Amino acid sequence: MTIKEIQEEIIDEFSMFEDWMERYEYIIDLGKSLPLIKDEFKRDANLISGCQSKVWLHSEIEGDKIKFTADSDAILTKGIVALLLRVFNNQKPAAILDADLYFVDEIGLKEHLSPTRANGLVSMIKQIKLYALAFQSKLS
Protein backbone atom coordinates (compact mmCIF):
# COMPACT_ATOMS: atom_id res chain seq x y z
CA MET A 1 0.00 0.00 0.00
CA THR A 2 1.17 3.52 -0.68
CA ILE A 3 1.53 6.16 2.01
CA LYS A 4 -1.41 8.04 0.48
CA GLU A 5 -3.64 4.93 0.54
CA ILE A 6 -2.78 4.23 4.18
CA GLN A 7 -3.56 7.83 5.12
CA GLU A 8 -6.94 7.62 3.37
CA GLU A 9 -7.69 4.42 5.30
CA ILE A 10 -6.87 6.15 8.60
CA ILE A 11 -9.04 9.16 7.71
CA ASP A 12 -11.94 6.79 6.94
CA GLU A 13 -11.48 4.97 10.25
CA PHE A 14 -11.44 8.19 12.27
CA SER A 15 -14.56 9.50 10.51
CA MET A 16 -16.54 6.68 12.15
CA PHE A 17 -16.08 8.16 15.63
CA GLU A 18 -18.56 10.65 17.05
CA ASP A 19 -16.22 12.55 19.35
CA TRP A 20 -12.63 12.88 20.45
CA MET A 21 -12.98 10.67 23.51
CA GLU A 22 -13.72 7.76 21.18
CA ARG A 23 -10.79 8.76 18.96
CA TYR A 24 -8.44 8.89 21.95
CA GLU A 25 -9.59 5.41 22.99
CA TYR A 26 -8.94 4.15 19.46
CA ILE A 27 -5.45 5.70 19.43
CA ILE A 28 -4.70 4.07 22.80
CA ASP A 29 -5.90 0.70 21.42
CA LEU A 30 -3.59 1.14 18.43
CA GLY A 31 -0.72 1.65 20.85
CA LYS A 32 -1.56 -1.59 22.64
CA SER A 33 -1.28 -3.45 19.34
CA LEU A 34 2.12 -1.94 18.49
CA PRO A 35 4.65 -4.77 18.08
CA LEU A 36 7.14 -4.77 20.93
CA ILE A 37 10.50 -3.18 20.30
CA LYS A 38 13.47 -5.33 21.31
CA ASP A 39 14.95 -4.30 24.66
CA GLU A 40 18.33 -3.75 23.00
CA PHE A 41 16.78 -0.88 21.00
CA LYS A 42 15.38 0.84 24.10
CA ARG A 43 18.50 2.89 24.61
CA ASP A 44 19.19 6.59 24.78
CA ALA A 45 20.49 6.71 21.19
CA ASN A 46 17.00 5.74 19.97
CA LEU A 47 15.09 8.23 22.14
CA ILE A 48 13.34 10.98 20.20
CA SER A 49 14.23 14.38 21.58
CA GLY A 50 11.43 16.89 21.82
CA CYS A 51 8.89 14.45 23.22
CA GLN A 52 7.37 14.97 26.65
CA SER A 53 7.30 11.22 27.26
CA LYS A 54 9.96 8.72 26.30
CA VAL A 55 9.68 7.47 22.73
CA TRP A 56 12.16 4.99 21.31
CA LEU A 57 12.35 4.60 17.54
CA HIS A 58 14.49 2.04 15.77
CA SER A 59 14.85 1.58 12.05
CA GLU A 60 16.62 -0.77 9.70
CA ILE A 61 16.62 -1.27 5.98
CA GLU A 62 15.42 -4.53 4.48
CA GLY A 63 15.95 -4.62 0.74
CA ASP A 64 14.90 -1.13 -0.31
CA LYS A 65 12.30 -0.54 2.43
CA ILE A 66 12.59 0.75 5.97
CA LYS A 67 11.28 -1.27 8.90
CA PHE A 68 10.48 0.69 12.04
CA THR A 69 9.86 -0.46 15.59
CA ALA A 70 8.98 1.87 18.44
CA ASP A 71 7.71 2.13 21.98
CA SER A 72 6.73 4.79 24.48
CA ASP A 73 6.20 4.97 28.22
CA ALA A 74 2.92 6.87 27.70
CA ILE A 75 -0.16 5.09 26.34
CA LEU A 76 -1.45 7.93 24.15
CA THR A 77 2.00 8.63 22.73
CA LYS A 78 2.42 4.94 22.00
CA GLY A 79 -0.80 5.10 19.98
CA ILE A 80 0.39 8.15 18.07
CA VAL A 81 3.65 6.46 17.17
CA ALA A 82 1.66 3.36 16.14
CA LEU A 83 -0.30 5.54 13.70
CA LEU A 84 2.89 6.99 12.25
CA LEU A 85 4.49 3.57 11.87
CA ARG A 86 1.38 2.31 10.14
CA VAL A 87 1.92 5.02 7.54
CA PHE A 88 5.70 4.80 7.19
CA ASN A 89 6.63 1.17 7.93
CA ASN A 90 7.74 -0.92 4.94
CA GLN A 91 8.07 2.12 2.69
CA LYS A 92 10.99 3.19 0.53
CA PRO A 93 13.10 6.08 1.87
CA ALA A 94 12.19 8.30 -1.10
CA ALA A 95 8.48 7.73 -0.51
CA ILE A 96 8.87 8.73 3.14
CA LEU A 97 10.84 11.84 2.27
CA ASP A 98 8.29 12.89 -0.38
CA ALA A 99 5.25 12.12 1.78
CA ASP A 100 2.74 14.83 2.50
CA LEU A 101 1.44 13.80 5.90
CA TYR A 102 -2.04 15.26 5.54
CA PHE A 103 -3.93 12.71 7.66
CA VAL A 104 -2.73 14.41 10.86
CA ASP A 105 -4.67 17.59 9.94
CA GLU A 106 -7.57 15.72 8.31
CA ILE A 107 -8.40 13.78 11.47
CA GLY A 108 -7.72 16.82 13.68
CA LEU A 109 -5.00 15.07 15.67
CA LYS A 110 -2.60 17.96 16.13
CA GLU A 111 -5.31 20.38 17.34
CA HIS A 112 -6.54 17.85 19.92
CA LEU A 113 -3.14 17.31 21.51
CA SER A 114 -1.54 19.37 24.23
CA PRO A 115 1.18 21.71 22.90
CA THR A 116 3.92 19.45 24.28
CA ARG A 117 2.37 16.34 22.68
CA ALA A 118 1.93 18.20 19.38
CA ASN A 119 5.63 19.13 19.51
CA GLY A 120 6.40 15.48 20.20
CA LEU A 121 4.38 14.45 17.15
CA VAL A 122 6.42 16.84 14.99
CA SER A 123 9.63 15.44 16.52
CA MET A 124 8.56 11.86 15.74
CA ILE A 125 7.82 12.73 12.09
CA LYS A 126 11.12 14.62 11.83
CA GLN A 127 13.06 11.62 13.21
CA ILE A 128 11.35 9.19 10.82
CA LYS A 129 12.25 11.47 7.89
CA LEU A 130 15.86 11.76 9.15
CA TYR A 131 16.15 7.96 9.17
CA ALA A 132 14.72 7.89 5.64
CA LEU A 133 17.26 10.50 4.53
CA ALA A 134 20.13 8.49 6.02
CA PHE A 135 18.99 5.28 4.33
CA GLN A 136 18.34 7.11 1.04
CA SER A 137 21.93 8.34 0.97
CA LYS A 138 23.21 4.80 1.69
CA LEU A 139 21.12 3.35 -1.15
CA SER A 140 22.24 5.89 -3.75
C-alpha atoms as a PDB file:
ATOM      1  CA  MET A   1       0.000   0.000   0.000  1.00  0.00           C
ATOM      2  CA  THR A   2       1.174   3.521  -0.677  1.00  0.00           C
ATOM      3  CA  ILE A   3       1.533   6.161   2.012  1.00  0.00           C
ATOM      4  CA  LYS A   4      -1.409   8.045   0.485  1.00  0.00           C
ATOM      5  CA  GLU A   5      -3.641   4.932   0.536  1.00  0.00           C
ATOM      6  CA  ILE A   6      -2.778   4.233   4.175  1.00  0.00           C
ATOM      7  CA  GLN A   7      -3.562   7.835   5.123  1.00  0.00           C
ATOM      8  CA  GLU A   8      -6.944   7.615   3.368  1.00  0.00           C
ATOM      9  CA  GLU A   9      -7.687   4.418   5.300  1.00  0.00           C
ATOM     10  CA  ILE A  10      -6.866   6.150   8.600  1.00  0.00           C
ATOM     11  CA  ILE A  11      -9.043   9.158   7.711  1.00  0.00           C
ATOM     12  CA  ASP A  12     -11.943   6.788   6.942  1.00  0.00           C
ATOM     13  CA  GLU A  13     -11.482   4.966  10.252  1.00  0.00           C
ATOM     14  CA  PHE A  14     -11.440   8.192  12.265  1.00  0.00           C
ATOM     15  CA  SER A  15     -14.561   9.503  10.509  1.00  0.00           C
ATOM     16  CA  MET A  16     -16.542   6.682  12.148  1.00  0.00           C
ATOM     17  CA  PHE A  17     -16.079   8.162  15.626  1.00  0.00           C
ATOM     18  CA  GLU A  18     -18.558  10.652  17.053  1.00  0.00           C
ATOM     19  CA  ASP A  19     -16.215  12.548  19.350  1.00  0.00           C
ATOM     20  CA  TRP A  20     -12.627  12.885  20.453  1.00  0.00           C
ATOM     21  CA  MET A  21     -12.978  10.671  23.513  1.00  0.00           C
ATOM     22  CA  GLU A  22     -13.725   7.763  21.177  1.00  0.00           C
ATOM     23  CA  ARG A  23     -10.794   8.758  18.963  1.00  0.00           C
ATOM     24  CA  TYR A  24      -8.442   8.893  21.953  1.00  0.00           C
ATOM     25  CA  GLU A  25      -9.587   5.407  22.992  1.00  0.00           C
ATOM     26  CA  TYR A  26      -8.937   4.155  19.456  1.00  0.00           C
ATOM     27  CA  ILE A  27      -5.448   5.697  19.432  1.00  0.00           C
ATOM     28  CA  ILE A  28      -4.698   4.066  22.797  1.00  0.00           C
ATOM     29  CA  ASP A  29      -5.899   0.704  21.420  1.00  0.00           C
ATOM     30  CA  LEU A  30      -3.586   1.138  18.433  1.00  0.00           C
ATOM     31  CA  GLY A  31      -0.722   1.651  20.853  1.00  0.00           C
ATOM     32  CA  LYS A  32      -1.565  -1.591  22.640  1.00  0.00           C
ATOM     33  CA  SER A  33      -1.277  -3.450  19.336  1.00  0.00           C
ATOM     34  CA  LEU A  34       2.123  -1.942  18.494  1.00  0.00           C
ATOM     35  CA  PRO A  35       4.647  -4.770  18.083  1.00  0.00           C
ATOM     36  CA  LEU A  36       7.139  -4.767  20.934  1.00  0.00           C
ATOM     37  CA  ILE A  37      10.502  -3.184  20.296  1.00  0.00           C
ATOM     38  CA  LYS A  38      13.469  -5.328  21.312  1.00  0.00           C
ATOM     39  CA  ASP A  39      14.951  -4.296  24.661  1.00  0.00           C
ATOM     40  CA  GLU A  40      18.330  -3.752  23.000  1.00  0.00           C
ATOM     41  CA  PHE A  41      16.782  -0.883  20.996  1.00  0.00           C
ATOM     42  CA  LYS A  42      15.379   0.845  24.100  1.00  0.00           C
ATOM     43  CA  ARG A  43      18.502   2.888  24.606  1.00  0.00           C
ATOM     44  CA  ASP A  44      19.195   6.592  24.778  1.00  0.00           C
ATOM     45  CA  ALA A  45      20.487   6.708  21.188  1.00  0.00           C
ATOM     46  CA  ASN A  46      17.001   5.737  19.970  1.00  0.00           C
ATOM     47  CA  LEU A  47      15.094   8.234  22.138  1.00  0.00           C
ATOM     48  CA  ILE A  48      13.345  10.983  20.202  1.00  0.00           C
ATOM     49  CA  SER A  49      14.234  14.382  21.581  1.00  0.00           C
ATOM     50  CA  GLY A  50      11.426  16.895  21.821  1.00  0.00           C
ATOM     51  CA  CYS A  51       8.887  14.447  23.216  1.00  0.00           C
ATOM     52  CA  GLN A  52       7.368  14.971  26.648  1.00  0.00           C
ATOM     53  CA  SER A  53       7.303  11.219  27.256  1.00  0.00           C
ATOM     54  CA  LYS A  54       9.959   8.717  26.301  1.00  0.00           C
ATOM     55  CA  VAL A  55       9.677   7.467  22.727  1.00  0.00           C
ATOM     56  CA  TRP A  56      12.159   4.992  21.311  1.00  0.00           C
ATOM     57  CA  LEU A  57      12.355   4.597  17.541  1.00  0.00           C
ATOM     58  CA  HIS A  58      14.492   2.040  15.770  1.00  0.00           C
ATOM     59  CA  SER A  59      14.852   1.575  12.047  1.00  0.00           C
ATOM     60  CA  GLU A  60      16.624  -0.773   9.699  1.00  0.00           C
ATOM     61  CA  ILE A  61      16.617  -1.266   5.980  1.00  0.00           C
ATOM     62  CA  GLU A  62      15.423  -4.529   4.475  1.00  0.00           C
ATOM     63  CA  GLY A  63      15.946  -4.623   0.743  1.00  0.00           C
ATOM     64  CA  ASP A  64      14.895  -1.133  -0.310  1.00  0.00           C
ATOM     65  CA  LYS A  65      12.297  -0.541   2.426  1.00  0.00           C
ATOM     66  CA  ILE A  66      12.588   0.754   5.967  1.00  0.00           C
ATOM     67  CA  LYS A  67      11.277  -1.267   8.901  1.00  0.00           C
ATOM     68  CA  PHE A  68      10.485   0.690  12.044  1.00  0.00           C
ATOM     69  CA  THR A  69       9.858  -0.457  15.589  1.00  0.00           C
ATOM     70  CA  ALA A  70       8.977   1.872  18.440  1.00  0.00           C
ATOM     71  CA  ASP A  71       7.707   2.129  21.984  1.00  0.00           C
ATOM     72  CA  SER A  72       6.726   4.790  24.482  1.00  0.00           C
ATOM     73  CA  ASP A  73       6.205   4.968  28.218  1.00  0.00           C
ATOM     74  CA  ALA A  74       2.916   6.870  27.696  1.00  0.00           C
ATOM     75  CA  ILE A  75      -0.162   5.094  26.338  1.00  0.00           C
ATOM     76  CA  LEU A  76      -1.448   7.933  24.152  1.00  0.00           C
ATOM     77  CA  THR A  77       1.997   8.635  22.735  1.00  0.00           C
ATOM     78  CA  LYS A  78       2.424   4.940  21.999  1.00  0.00           C
ATOM     79  CA  GLY A  79      -0.801   5.099  19.981  1.00  0.00           C
ATOM     80  CA  ILE A  80       0.390   8.150  18.075  1.00  0.00           C
ATOM     81  CA  VAL A  81       3.653   6.464  17.168  1.00  0.00           C
ATOM     82  CA  ALA A  82       1.664   3.359  16.138  1.00  0.00           C
ATOM     83  CA  LEU A  83      -0.302   5.543  13.701  1.00  0.00           C
ATOM     84  CA  LEU A  84       2.890   6.991  12.253  1.00  0.00           C
ATOM     85  CA  LEU A  85       4.488   3.567  11.868  1.00  0.00           C
ATOM     86  CA  ARG A  86       1.381   2.310  10.138  1.00  0.00           C
ATOM     87  CA  VAL A  87       1.916   5.017   7.535  1.00  0.00           C
ATOM     88  CA  PHE A  88       5.701   4.798   7.195  1.00  0.00           C
ATOM     89  CA  ASN A  89       6.628   1.172   7.929  1.00  0.00           C
ATOM     90  CA  ASN A  90       7.736  -0.922   4.943  1.00  0.00           C
ATOM     91  CA  GLN A  91       8.065   2.121   2.691  1.00  0.00           C
ATOM     92  CA  LYS A  92      10.992   3.195   0.532  1.00  0.00           C
ATOM     93  CA  PRO A  93      13.096   6.081   1.872  1.00  0.00           C
ATOM     94  CA  ALA A  94      12.195   8.304  -1.097  1.00  0.00           C
ATOM     95  CA  ALA A  95       8.476   7.733  -0.512  1.00  0.00           C
ATOM     96  CA  ILE A  96       8.872   8.725   3.141  1.00  0.00           C
ATOM     97  CA  LEU A  97      10.838  11.843   2.265  1.00  0.00           C
ATOM     98  CA  ASP A  98       8.294  12.889  -0.384  1.00  0.00           C
ATOM     99  CA  ALA A  99       5.254  12.116   1.781  1.00  0.00           C
ATOM    100  CA  ASP A 100       2.738  14.833   2.503  1.00  0.00           C
ATOM    101  CA  LEU A 101       1.440  13.796   5.898  1.00  0.00           C
ATOM    102  CA  TYR A 102      -2.044  15.257   5.536  1.00  0.00           C
ATOM    103  CA  PHE A 103      -3.931  12.709   7.655  1.00  0.00           C
ATOM    104  CA  VAL A 104      -2.734  14.415  10.856  1.00  0.00           C
ATOM    105  CA  ASP A 105      -4.672  17.585   9.944  1.00  0.00           C
ATOM    106  CA  GLU A 106      -7.571  15.723   8.309  1.00  0.00           C
ATOM    107  CA  ILE A 107      -8.401  13.780  11.474  1.00  0.00           C
ATOM    108  CA  GLY A 108      -7.715  16.825  13.682  1.00  0.00           C
ATOM    109  CA  LEU A 109      -5.005  15.066  15.667  1.00  0.00           C
ATOM    110  CA  LYS A 110      -2.605  17.965  16.135  1.00  0.00           C
ATOM    111  CA  GLU A 111      -5.308  20.375  17.336  1.00  0.00           C
ATOM    112  CA  HIS A 112      -6.544  17.849  19.922  1.00  0.00           C
ATOM    113  CA  LEU A 113      -3.137  17.306  21.512  1.00  0.00           C
ATOM    114  CA  SER A 114      -1.542  19.370  24.225  1.00  0.00           C
ATOM    115  CA  PRO A 115       1.181  21.714  22.899  1.00  0.00           C
ATOM    116  CA  THR A 116       3.919  19.451  24.278  1.00  0.00           C
ATOM    117  CA  ARG A 117       2.373  16.337  22.684  1.00  0.00           C
ATOM    118  CA  ALA A 118       1.925  18.203  19.382  1.00  0.00           C
ATOM    119  CA  ASN A 119       5.628  19.133  19.508  1.00  0.00           C
ATOM    120  CA  GLY A 120       6.405  15.475  20.202  1.00  0.00           C
ATOM    121  CA  LEU A 121       4.385  14.452  17.147  1.00  0.00           C
ATOM    122  CA  VAL A 122       6.421  16.843  14.993  1.00  0.00           C
ATOM    123  CA  SER A 123       9.632  15.443  16.520  1.00  0.00           C
ATOM    124  CA  MET A 124       8.557  11.860  15.736  1.00  0.00           C
ATOM    125  CA  ILE A 125       7.825  12.735  12.094  1.00  0.00           C
ATOM    126  CA  LYS A 126      11.118  14.621  11.827  1.00  0.00           C
ATOM    127  CA  GLN A 127      13.063  11.625  13.209  1.00  0.00           C
ATOM    128  CA  ILE A 128      11.346   9.194  10.816  1.00  0.00           C
ATOM    129  CA  LYS A 129      12.250  11.470   7.892  1.00  0.00           C
ATOM    130  CA  LEU A 130      15.855  11.759   9.153  1.00  0.00           C
ATOM    131  CA  TYR A 131      16.153   7.959   9.172  1.00  0.00           C
ATOM    132  CA  ALA A 132      14.723   7.893   5.639  1.00  0.00           C
ATOM    133  CA  LEU A 133      17.259  10.498   4.533  1.00  0.00           C
ATOM    134  CA  ALA A 134      20.125   8.494   6.022  1.00  0.00           C
ATOM    135  CA  PHE A 135      18.989   5.277   4.325  1.00  0.00           C
ATOM    136  CA  GLN A 136      18.345   7.108   1.042  1.00  0.00           C
ATOM    137  CA  SER A 137      21.934   8.336   0.966  1.00  0.00           C
ATOM    138  CA  LYS A 138      23.206   4.799   1.685  1.00  0.00           C
ATOM    139  CA  LEU A 139      21.118   3.353  -1.150  1.00  0.00           C
ATOM    140  CA  SER A 140      22.236   5.890  -3.750  1.00  0.00           C
END
